[in-house]
Amino acid sequence: MSMLHLCFYSTFTLSSLGLAFHRTHLISALLCLESMMLSMYITLSTWPIENQATSSTIMPMLMLTFSACEAATGLAMLVATSRTHGSDQLHNLNLLQC
């Protein structure tokens, strides 16, 4: 395993651990999801270069598009919950109250 792979794997792992353990605010959960998506984007972008593939793949562009959609949806949810509940803390949200 090269140092580059170790860096990408550790970035993804640390952001998923941050998502699992630090779920107090919605913005921190969204930032962890965004860092997971960006680490997967960088990994998918460097994969054809490391394998010396002549054709470029469309997967990094699709991943970046989905990441932008995820960020926009997450920020819309953040605005909606802060308007209705008054804060972005996740313990204030109750799914059974809908």
PDB file of N, CA and C in Angstrom:
ATOM      1  N   MET A   1       0.851  -1.172   0.000  1.00  0.00           N
ATOM      2  CA  MET A   1       0.000   0.000   0.000  1.00  0.00           C
ATOM      3  C   MET A   1       0.898   1.237   0.000  1.00  0.00           C
ATOM      4  N   SER A   2       0.629   2.102  -0.911  1.00  0.00           N
ATOM      5  CA  SER A   2       1.446   3.305  -1.007  1.00  0.00           C
ATOM      6  C   SER A   2       0.994   4.329   0.029  1.00  0.00           C
ATOM      7  N   MET A   3       1.813   5.352   0.174  1.00  0.00           N
ATOM      8  CA  MET A   3       1.490   6.395   1.138  1.00  0.00           C
ATOM      9  C   MET A   3       0.251   7.188   0.710  1.00  0.00           C
ATOM     10  N   LEU A   4       0.051   7.318  -0.603  1.00  0.00           N
ATOM     11  CA  LEU A   4      -1.117   8.027  -1.120  1.00  0.00           C
ATOM     12  C   LEU A   4      -2.406   7.283  -0.780  1.00  0.00           C
ATOM     13  N   HIS A   5      -2.390   5.959  -0.946  1.00  0.00           N
ATOM     14  CA  HIS A   5      -3.567   5.165  -0.593  1.00  0.00           C
ATOM     15  C   HIS A   5      -3.856   5.240   0.898  1.00  0.00           C
ATOM     16  N   LEU A   6      -2.807   5.174   1.691  1.00  0.00           N
ATOM     17  CA  LEU A   6      -2.986   5.252   3.141  1.00  0.00           C
ATOM     18  C   LEU A   6      -3.586   6.592   3.543  1.00  0.00           C
ATOM     19  N   CYS A   7      -3.165   7.647   2.884  1.00  0.00           N
ATOM     20  CA  CYS A   7      -3.706   8.977   3.186  1.00  0.00           C
ATOM     21  C   CYS A   7      -5.186   9.061   2.831  1.00  0.00           C
ATOM     22  N   PHE A   8      -5.580   8.541   1.670  1.00  0.00           N
ATOM     23  CA  PHE A   8      -6.991   8.588   1.270  1.00  0.00           C
ATOM     24  C   PHE A   8      -7.858   7.702   2.146  1.00  0.00           C
ATOM     25  N   TYR A   9      -7.358   6.516   2.492  1.00  0.00           N
ATOM     26  CA  TYR A   9      -8.124   5.625   3.353  1.00  0.00           C
ATOM     27  C   TYR A   9      -8.285   6.215   4.751  1.00  0.00           C
ATOM     28  N   SER A  10      -7.234   6.822   5.266  1.00  0.00           N
ATOM     29  CA  SER A  10      -7.327   7.407   6.598  1.00  0.00           C
ATOM     30  C   SER A  10      -8.234   8.637   6.600  1.00  0.00           C
ATOM     31  N   THR A  11      -8.237   9.403   5.501  1.00  0.00           N
ATOM     32  CA  THR A  11      -9.150  10.544   5.412  1.00  0.00           C
ATOM     33  C   THR A  11     -10.595  10.088   5.439  1.00  0.00           C
ATOM     34  N   PHE A  12     -10.909   9.059   4.674  1.00  0.00           N
ATOM     35  CA  PHE A  12     -12.275   8.537   4.660  1.00  0.00           C
ATOM     36  C   PHE A  12     -12.657   7.948   6.014  1.00  0.00           C
ATOM     37  N   THR A  13     -11.740   7.233   6.630  1.00  0.00           N
ATOM     38  CA  THR A  13     -12.022   6.610   7.917  1.00  0.00           C
ATOM     39  C   THR A  13     -12.220   7.650   9.009  1.00  0.00           C
ATOM     40  N   LEU A  14     -11.365   8.675   9.021  1.00  0.00           N
ATOM     41  CA  LEU A  14     -11.507   9.714  10.041  1.00  0.00           C
ATOM     42  C   LEU A  14     -12.804  10.511   9.879  1.00  0.00           C
ATOM     43  N   SER A  15     -13.196  10.761   8.646  1.00  0.00           N
ATOM     44  CA  SER A  15     -14.450  11.489   8.460  1.00  0.00           C
ATOM     45  C   SER A  15     -15.654  10.622   8.811  1.00  0.00           C
ATOM     46  N   SER A  16     -15.592   9.327   8.559  1.00  0.00           N
ATOM     47  CA  SER A  16     -16.703   8.459   8.963  1.00  0.00           C
ATOM     48  C   SER A  16     -16.749   8.289  10.482  1.00  0.00           C
ATOM     49  N   LEU A  17     -15.588   8.264  11.136  1.00  0.00           N
ATOM     50  CA  LEU A  17     -15.588   8.230  12.597  1.00  0.00           C
ATOM     51  C   LEU A  17     -16.101   9.538  13.181  1.00  0.00           C
ATOM     52  N   GLY A  18     -15.775  10.639  12.547  1.00  0.00           N
ATOM     53  CA  GLY A  18     -16.315  11.922  12.990  1.00  0.00           C
ATOM     54  C   GLY A  18     -17.816  11.975  12.849  1.00  0.00           C
ATOM     55  N   LEU A  19     -18.334  11.379  11.787  1.00  0.00           N
ATOM     56  CA  LEU A  19     -19.784  11.315  11.598  1.00  0.00           C
ATOM     57  C   LEU A  19     -20.439  10.424  12.649  1.00  0.00           C
ATOM     58  N   ALA A  20     -19.754   9.359  13.026  1.00  0.00           N
ATOM     59  CA  ALA A  20     -20.331   8.424  13.990  1.00  0.00           C
ATOM     60  C   ALA A  20     -20.301   8.945  15.422  1.00  0.00           C
ATOM     61  N   PHE A  21     -19.240   9.673  15.789  1.00  0.00           N
ATOM     62  CA  PHE A  21     -19.077  10.036  17.194  1.00  0.00           C
ATOM     63  C   PHE A  21     -19.433  11.477  17.536  1.00  0.00           C
ATOM     64  N   HIS A  22     -19.344  12.389  16.582  1.00  0.00           N
ATOM     65  CA  HIS A  22     -19.589  13.802  16.877  1.00  0.00           C
ATOM     66  C   HIS A  22     -20.848  14.269  16.158  1.00  0.00           C
ATOM     67  N   ARG A  23     -21.981  13.832  16.669  1.00  0.00           N
ATOM     68  CA  ARG A  23     -23.258  14.157  16.043  1.00  0.00           C
ATOM     69  C   ARG A  23     -24.053  15.130  16.897  1.00  0.00           C
ATOM     70  N   THR A  24     -23.423  16.206  17.326  1.00  0.00           N
ATOM     71  CA  THR A  24     -24.170  17.167  18.123  1.00  0.00           C
ATOM     72  C   THR A  24     -24.864  18.195  17.247  1.00  0.00           C
ATOM     73  N   HIS A  25     -24.193  18.671  16.228  1.00  0.00           N
ATOM     74  CA  HIS A  25     -24.760  19.688  15.343  1.00  0.00           C
ATOM     75  C   HIS A  25     -24.919  19.117  13.936  1.00  0.00           C
ATOM     76  N   LEU A  26     -25.919  19.602  13.246  1.00  0.00           N
ATOM     77  CA  LEU A  26     -26.171  19.155  11.877  1.00  0.00           C
ATOM     78  C   LEU A  26     -25.060  19.608  10.931  1.00  0.00           C
ATOM     79  N   ILE A  27     -24.488  20.777  11.171  1.00  0.00           N
ATOM     80  CA  ILE A  27     -23.437  21.279  10.286  1.00  0.00           C
ATOM     81  C   ILE A  27     -22.179  20.422  10.390  1.00  0.00           C
ATOM     82  N   SER A  28     -21.874  19.886  11.559  1.00  0.00           N
ATOM     83  CA  SER A  28     -20.704  19.014  11.680  1.00  0.00           C
ATOM     84  C   SER A  28     -20.932  17.687  10.972  1.00  0.00           C
ATOM     85  N   ALA A  29     -22.157  17.179  11.012  1.00  0.00           N
ATOM     86  CA  ALA A  29     -22.466  15.944  10.281  1.00  0.00           C
ATOM     87  C   ALA A  29     -22.374  16.172   8.779  1.00  0.00           C
ATOM     88  N   LEU A  30     -22.843  17.326   8.325  1.00  0.00           N
ATOM     89  CA  LEU A  30     -22.748  17.636   6.893  1.00  0.00           C
ATOM     90  C   LEU A  30     -21.303  17.811   6.441  1.00  0.00           C
ATOM     91  N   LEU A  31     -20.472  18.407   7.284  1.00  0.00           N
ATOM     92  CA  LEU A  31     -19.058  18.558   6.933  1.00  0.00           C
ATOM     93  C   LEU A  31     -18.348  17.211   6.872  1.00  0.00           C
ATOM     94  N   CYS A  32     -18.710  16.292   7.761  1.00  0.00           N
ATOM     95  CA  CYS A  32     -18.129  14.949   7.703  1.00  0.00           C
ATOM     96  C   CYS A  32     -18.557  14.223   6.434  1.00  0.00           C
ATOM     97  N   LEU A  33     -19.821  14.348   6.053  1.00  0.00           N
ATOM     98  CA  LEU A  33     -20.281  13.735   4.803  1.00  0.00           C
ATOM     99  C   LEU A  33     -19.578  14.335   3.593  1.00  0.00           C
ATOM    100  N   GLU A  34     -19.361  15.645   3.627  1.00  0.00           N
ATOM    101  CA  GLU A  34     -18.686  16.304   2.509  1.00  0.00           C
ATOM    102  C   GLU A  34     -17.225  15.870   2.407  1.00  0.00           C
ATOM    103  N   SER A  35     -16.556  15.699   3.533  1.00  0.00           N
ATOM    104  CA  SER A  35     -15.167  15.230   3.470  1.00  0.00           C
ATOM    105  C   SER A  35     -15.078  13.783   3.002  1.00  0.00           C
ATOM    106  N   MET A  36     -16.088  12.972   3.328  1.00  0.00           N
ATOM    107  CA  MET A  36     -16.113  11.603   2.805  1.00  0.00           C
ATOM    108  C   MET A  36     -16.264  11.604   1.292  1.00  0.00           C
ATOM    109  N   MET A  37     -17.147  12.453   0.789  1.00  0.00           N
ATOM    110  CA  MET A  37     -17.354  12.532  -0.658  1.00  0.00           C
ATOM    111  C   MET A  37     -16.120  13.071  -1.365  1.00  0.00           C
ATOM    112  N   LEU A  38     -15.457  14.056  -0.783  1.00  0.00           N
ATOM    113  CA  LEU A  38     -14.262  14.613  -1.419  1.00  0.00           C
ATOM    114  C   LEU A  38     -13.095  13.628  -1.421  1.00  0.00           C
ATOM    115  N   SER A  39     -12.971  12.831  -0.372  1.00  0.00           N
ATOM    116  CA  SER A  39     -11.910  11.825  -0.384  1.00  0.00           C
ATOM    117  C   SER A  39     -12.186  10.753  -1.432  1.00  0.00           C
ATOM    118  N   MET A  40     -13.474  10.382  -1.612  1.00  0.00           N
ATOM    119  CA  MET A  40     -13.795   9.425  -2.676  1.00  0.00           C
ATOM    120  C   MET A  40     -13.579  10.038  -4.053  1.00  0.00           C
ATOM    121  N   TYR A  41     -13.852  11.341  -4.199  1.00  0.00           N
ATOM    122  CA  TYR A  41     -13.624  12.019  -5.478  1.00  0.00           C
ATOM    123  C   TYR A  41     -12.137  12.033  -5.831  1.00  0.00           C
ATOM    124  N   ILE A  42     -11.301  12.355  -4.884  1.00  0.00           N
ATOM    125  CA  ILE A  42      -9.860  12.391  -5.156  1.00  0.00           C
ATOM    126  C   ILE A  42      -9.341  10.999  -5.454  1.00  0.00           C
ATOM    127  N   THR A  43      -9.843  10.001  -4.748  1.00  0.00           N
ATOM    128  CA  THR A  43      -9.426   8.623  -5.012  1.00  0.00           C
ATOM    129  C   THR A  43      -9.845   8.176  -6.410  1.00  0.00           C
ATOM    130  N   LEU A  44     -11.074   8.490  -6.807  1.00  0.00           N
ATOM    131  CA  LEU A  44     -11.535   8.112  -8.141  1.00  0.00           C
ATOM    132  C   LEU A  44     -10.824   8.906  -9.235  1.00  0.00           C
ATOM    133  N   SER A  45     -10.370  10.110  -8.917  1.00  0.00           N
ATOM    134  CA  SER A  45      -9.651  10.902  -9.905  1.00  0.00           C
ATOM    135  C   SER A  45      -8.234  10.397 -10.129  1.00  0.00           C
ATOM    136  N   THR A  46      -7.596   9.914  -9.083  1.00  0.00           N
ATOM    137  CA  THR A  46      -6.215   9.437  -9.219  1.00  0.00           C
ATOM    138  C   THR A  46      -6.124   7.977  -9.648  1.00  0.00           C
ATOM    139  N   TRP A  47      -7.214   7.238  -9.585  1.00  0.00           N
ATOM    140  CA  TRP A  47      -7.171   5.821  -9.932  1.00  0.00           C
ATOM    141  C   TRP A  47      -6.780   5.569 -11.401  1.00  0.00           C
ATOM    142  N   PRO A  48      -7.350   6.276 -12.402  1.00  0.00           N
ATOM    143  CA  PRO A  48      -6.905   6.022 -13.784  1.00  0.00           C
ATOM    144  C   PRO A  48      -5.451   6.424 -14.031  1.00  0.00           C
ATOM    145  N   ILE A  49      -4.960   7.414 -13.302  1.00  0.00           N
ATOM    146  CA  ILE A  49      -3.576   7.836 -13.470  1.00  0.00           C
ATOM    147  C   ILE A  49      -2.625   6.768 -12.933  1.00  0.00           C
ATOM    148  N   GLU A  50      -2.964   6.180 -11.792  1.00  0.00           N
ATOM    149  CA  GLU A  50      -2.115   5.143 -11.212  1.00  0.00           C
ATOM    150  C   GLU A  50      -2.129   3.868 -12.042  1.00  0.00           C
ATOM    151  N   ASN A  51      -3.247   3.558 -12.658  1.00  0.00           N
ATOM    152  CA  ASN A  51      -3.344   2.347 -13.483  1.00  0.00           C
ATOM    153  C   ASN A  51      -2.896   2.586 -14.914  1.00  0.00           C
ATOM    154  N   GLN A  52      -2.504   3.789 -15.233  1.00  0.00           N
ATOM    155  CA  GLN A  52      -2.050   4.186 -16.561  1.00  0.00           C
ATOM    156  C   GLN A  52      -3.085   3.853 -17.631  1.00  0.00           C
ATOM    157  N   ALA A  53      -4.325   4.173 -17.321  1.00  0.00           N
ATOM    158  CA  ALA A  53      -5.406   3.975 -18.277  1.00  0.00           C
ATOM    159  C   ALA A  53      -5.408   5.143 -19.259  1.00  0.00           C
ATOM    160  N   THR A  54      -5.622   4.844 -20.513  1.00  0.00           N
ATOM    161  CA  THR A  54      -5.595   5.897 -21.523  1.00  0.00           C
ATOM    162  C   THR A  54      -6.907   6.655 -21.585  1.00  0.00           C
ATOM    163  N   SER A  55      -7.989   6.014 -21.247  1.00  0.00           N
ATOM    164  CA  SER A  55      -9.287   6.685 -21.304  1.00  0.00           C
ATOM    165  C   SER A  55      -9.635   7.242 -19.926  1.00  0.00           C
ATOM    166  N   SER A  56     -10.177   8.425 -19.913  1.00  0.00           N
ATOM    167  CA  SER A  56     -10.609   9.005 -18.645  1.00  0.00           C
ATOM    168  C   SER A  56     -12.014   8.496 -18.325  1.00  0.00           C
ATOM    169  N   THR A  57     -12.283   8.361 -17.093  1.00  0.00           N
ATOM    170  CA  THR A  57     -13.594   7.859 -16.688  1.00  0.00           C
ATOM    171  C   THR A  57     -14.502   9.020 -16.320  1.00  0.00           C
ATOM    172  N   ILE A  58     -15.775   8.767 -16.347  1.00  0.00           N
ATOM    173  CA  ILE A  58     -16.776   9.780 -16.022  1.00  0.00           C
ATOM    174  C   ILE A  58     -17.135   9.743 -14.536  1.00  0.00           C
ATOM    175  N   MET A  59     -16.689   8.729 -13.825  1.00  0.00           N
ATOM    176  CA  MET A  59     -17.068   8.566 -12.423  1.00  0.00           C
ATOM    177  C   MET A  59     -16.668   9.736 -11.529  1.00  0.00           C
ATOM    178  N   PRO A  60     -15.482  10.338 -11.659  1.00  0.00           N
ATOM    179  CA  PRO A  60     -15.192  11.494 -10.789  1.00  0.00           C
ATOM    180  C   PRO A  60     -16.128  12.668 -11.021  1.00  0.00           C
ATOM    181  N   MET A  61     -16.541  12.899 -12.242  1.00  0.00           N
ATOM    182  CA  MET A  61     -17.470  13.995 -12.499  1.00  0.00           C
ATOM    183  C   MET A  61     -18.857  13.699 -11.938  1.00  0.00           C
ATOM    184  N   LEU A  62     -19.292  12.452 -12.027  1.00  0.00           N
ATOM    185  CA  LEU A  62     -20.568  12.073 -11.423  1.00  0.00           C
ATOM    186  C   LEU A  62     -20.521  12.190  -9.899  1.00  0.00           C
ATOM    187  N   MET A  63     -19.381  11.797  -9.325  1.00  0.00           N
ATOM    188  CA  MET A  63     -19.210  11.893  -7.880  1.00  0.00           C
ATOM    189  C   MET A  63     -19.223  13.352  -7.428  1.00  0.00           C
ATOM    190  N   LEU A  64     -18.588  14.222  -8.182  1.00  0.00           N
ATOM    191  CA  LEU A  64     -18.574  15.639  -7.847  1.00  0.00           C
ATOM    192  C   LEU A  64     -19.962  16.258  -7.990  1.00  0.00           C
ATOM    193  N   THR A  65     -20.710  15.809  -8.973  1.00  0.00           N
ATOM    194  CA  THR A  65     -22.087  16.296  -9.154  1.00  0.00           C
ATOM    195  C   THR A  65     -22.974  15.860  -7.999  1.00  0.00           C
ATOM    196  N   PHE A  66     -22.877  14.595  -7.607  1.00  0.00           N
ATOM    197  CA  PHE A  66     -23.662  14.115  -6.478  1.00  0.00           C
ATOM    198  C   PHE A  66     -23.251  14.789  -5.180  1.00  0.00           C
ATOM    199  N   SER A  67     -21.965  15.100  -5.057  1.00  0.00           N
ATOM    200  CA  SER A  67     -21.485  15.787  -3.869  1.00  0.00           C
ATOM    201  C   SER A  67     -22.051  17.193  -3.785  1.00  0.00           C
ATOM    202  N   ALA A  68     -22.133  17.881  -4.910  1.00  0.00           N
ATOM    203  CA  ALA A  68     -22.722  19.219  -4.917  1.00  0.00           C
ATOM    204  C   ALA A  68     -24.212  19.161  -4.599  1.00  0.00           C
ATOM    205  N   CYS A  69     -24.905  18.157  -5.122  1.00  0.00           N
ATOM    206  CA  CYS A  69     -26.337  17.999  -4.813  1.00  0.00           C
ATOM    207  C   CYS A  69     -26.542  17.671  -3.339  1.00  0.00           C
ATOM    208  N   GLU A  70     -25.671  16.857  -2.785  1.00  0.00           N
ATOM    209  CA  GLU A  70     -25.760  16.498  -1.378  1.00  0.00           C
ATOM    210  C   GLU A  70     -25.519  17.717  -0.497  1.00  0.00           C
ATOM    211  N   ALA A  71     -24.562  18.550  -0.874  1.00  0.00           N
ATOM    212  CA  ALA A  71     -24.277  19.749  -0.093  1.00  0.00           C
ATOM    213  C   ALA A  71     -25.440  20.727  -0.145  1.00  0.00           C
ATOM    214  N   ALA A  72     -26.035  20.895  -1.312  1.00  0.00           N
ATOM    215  CA  ALA A  72     -27.170  21.806  -1.434  1.00  0.00           C
ATOM    216  C   ALA A  72     -28.374  21.305  -0.647  1.00  0.00           C
ATOM    217  N   THR A  73     -28.632  20.014  -0.697  1.00  0.00           N
ATOM    218  CA  THR A  73     -29.746  19.444   0.061  1.00  0.00           C
ATOM    219  C   THR A  73     -29.496  19.543   1.558  1.00  0.00           C
ATOM    220  N   GLY A  74     -28.269  19.294   1.968  1.00  0.00           N
ATOM    221  CA  GLY A  74     -27.930  19.392   3.386  1.00  0.00           C
ATOM    222  C   GLY A  74     -28.056  20.806   3.917  1.00  0.00           C
ATOM    223  N   LEU A  75     -27.622  21.786   3.136  1.00  0.00           N
ATOM    224  CA  LEU A  75     -27.769  23.167   3.584  1.00  0.00           C
ATOM    225  C   LEU A  75     -29.227  23.600   3.613  1.00  0.00           C
ATOM    226  N   ALA A  76     -30.024  23.099   2.686  1.00  0.00           N
ATOM    227  CA  ALA A  76     -31.453  23.404   2.723  1.00  0.00           C
ATOM    228  C   ALA A  76     -32.098  22.790   3.965  1.00  0.00           C
ATOM    229  N   MET A  77     -31.695  21.575   4.326  1.00  0.00           N
ATOM    230  CA  MET A  77     -32.196  20.956   5.550  1.00  0.00           C
ATOM    231  C   MET A  77     -31.741  21.721   6.779  1.00  0.00           C
ATOM    232  N   LEU A  78     -30.516  22.235   6.751  1.00  0.00           N
ATOM    233  CA  LEU A  78     -30.005  23.011   7.874  1.00  0.00           C
ATOM    234  C   LEU A  78     -30.813  24.285   8.080  1.00  0.00           C
ATOM    235  N   VAL A  79     -31.112  24.973   6.996  1.00  0.00           N
ATOM    236  CA  VAL A  79     -31.909  26.199   7.090  1.00  0.00           C
ATOM    237  C   VAL A  79     -33.323  25.880   7.570  1.00  0.00           C
ATOM    238  N   ALA A  80     -33.901  24.813   7.047  1.00  0.00           N
ATOM    239  CA  ALA A  80     -35.265  24.460   7.439  1.00  0.00           C
ATOM    240  C   ALA A  80     -35.347  24.058   8.910  1.00  0.00           C
ATOM    241  N   THR A  81     -34.402  23.286   9.394  1.00  0.00           N
ATOM    242  CA  THR A  81     -34.451  22.870  10.795  1.00  0.00           C
ATOM    243  C   THR A  81     -34.113  24.008  11.737  1.00  0.00           C
ATOM    244  N   SER A  82     -33.218  24.895  11.334  1.00  0.00           N
ATOM    245  CA  SER A  82     -32.914  26.024  12.215  1.00  0.00           C
ATOM    246  C   SER A  82     -34.079  27.009  12.274  1.00  0.00           C
ATOM    247  N   ARG A  83     -34.871  27.086  11.227  1.00  0.00           N
ATOM    248  CA  ARG A  83     -36.056  27.955  11.261  1.00  0.00           C
ATOM    249  C   ARG A  83     -37.175  27.346  12.088  1.00  0.00           C
ATOM    250  N   THR A  84     -37.367  26.050  11.976  1.00  0.00           N
ATOM    251  CA  THR A  84     -38.485  25.435  12.703  1.00  0.00           C
ATOM    252  C   THR A  84     -38.142  25.110  14.154  1.00  0.00           C
ATOM    253  N   HIS A  85     -36.918  24.642  14.419  1.00  0.00           N
ATOM    254  CA  HIS A  85     -36.556  24.208  15.771  1.00  0.00           C
ATOM    255  C   HIS A  85     -35.724  25.235  16.526  1.00  0.00           C
ATOM    256  N   GLY A  86     -35.195  26.236  15.851  1.00  0.00           N
ATOM    257  CA  GLY A  86     -34.437  27.276  16.530  1.00  0.00           C
ATOM    258  C   GLY A  86     -32.952  27.017  16.644  1.00  0.00           C
ATOM    259  N   SER A  87     -32.494  25.807  16.404  1.00  0.00           N
ATOM    260  CA  SER A  87     -31.057  25.509  16.462  1.00  0.00           C
ATOM    261  C   SER A  87     -30.763  24.356  15.510  1.00  0.00           C
ATOM    262  N   ASP A  88     -29.470  24.086  15.350  1.00  0.00           N
ATOM    263  CA  ASP A  88     -29.081  22.987  14.459  1.00  0.00           C
ATOM    264  C   ASP A  88     -28.617  21.761  15.234  1.00  0.00           C
ATOM    265  N   GLN A  89     -28.951  21.693  16.507  1.00  0.00           N
ATOM    266  CA  GLN A  89     -28.544  20.530  17.284  1.00  0.00           C
ATOM    267  C   GLN A  89     -29.424  19.340  16.932  1.00  0.00           C
ATOM    268  N   LEU A  90     -28.765  18.189  16.787  1.00  0.00           N
ATOM    269  CA  LEU A  90     -29.493  17.009  16.322  1.00  0.00           C
ATOM    270  C   LEU A  90     -30.368  16.373  17.386  1.00  0.00           C
ATOM    271  N   HIS A  91     -30.076  16.612  18.676  1.00  0.00           N
ATOM    272  CA  HIS A  91     -30.924  15.995  19.691  1.00  0.00           C
ATOM    273  C   HIS A  91     -32.274  16.679  19.797  1.00  0.00           C
ATOM    274  N   ASN A  92     -32.419  17.868  19.203  1.00  0.00           N
ATOM    275  CA  ASN A  92     -33.722  18.533  19.195  1.00  0.00           C
ATOM    276  C   ASN A  92     -34.665  17.963  18.133  1.00  0.00           C
ATOM    277  N   LEU A  93     -34.111  17.261  17.177  1.00  0.00           N
ATOM    278  CA  LEU A  93     -34.931  16.710  16.103  1.00  0.00           C
ATOM    279  C   LEU A  93     -35.524  15.378  16.542  1.00  0.00           C
ATOM    280  N   ASN A  94     -36.806  15.226  16.365  1.00  0.00           N
ATOM    281  CA  ASN A  94     -37.494  14.009  16.704  1.00  0.00           C
ATOM    282  C   ASN A  94     -38.241  13.538  15.477  1.00  0.00           C
ATOM    283  N   LEU A  95     -37.868  12.394  14.950  1.00  0.00           N
ATOM    284  CA  LEU A  95     -38.494  11.907  13.733  1.00  0.00           C
ATOM    285  C   LEU A  95     -39.919  11.422  13.963  1.00  0.00           C
ATOM    286  N   LEU A  96     -40.264  11.082  15.177  1.00  0.00           N
ATOM    287  CA  LEU A  96     -41.610  10.599  15.458  1.00  0.00           C
ATOM    288  C   LEU A  96     -42.616  11.741  15.582  1.00  0.00           C
ATOM    289  N   GLN A  97     -42.119  12.976  15.630  1.00  0.00           N
ATOM    290  CA  GLN A  97     -42.994  14.110  15.815  1.00  0.00           C
ATOM    291  C   GLN A  97     -43.524  14.664  14.492  1.00  0.00           C
ATOM    292  N   CYS A  98     -43.067  14.178  13.380  1.00  0.00           N
ATOM    293  CA  CYS A  98     -43.498  14.686  12.087  1.00  0.00           C
ATOM    294  C   CYS A  98     -44.959  14.510  11.982  1.00  0.00           C
TER     295      CYS A  98
END
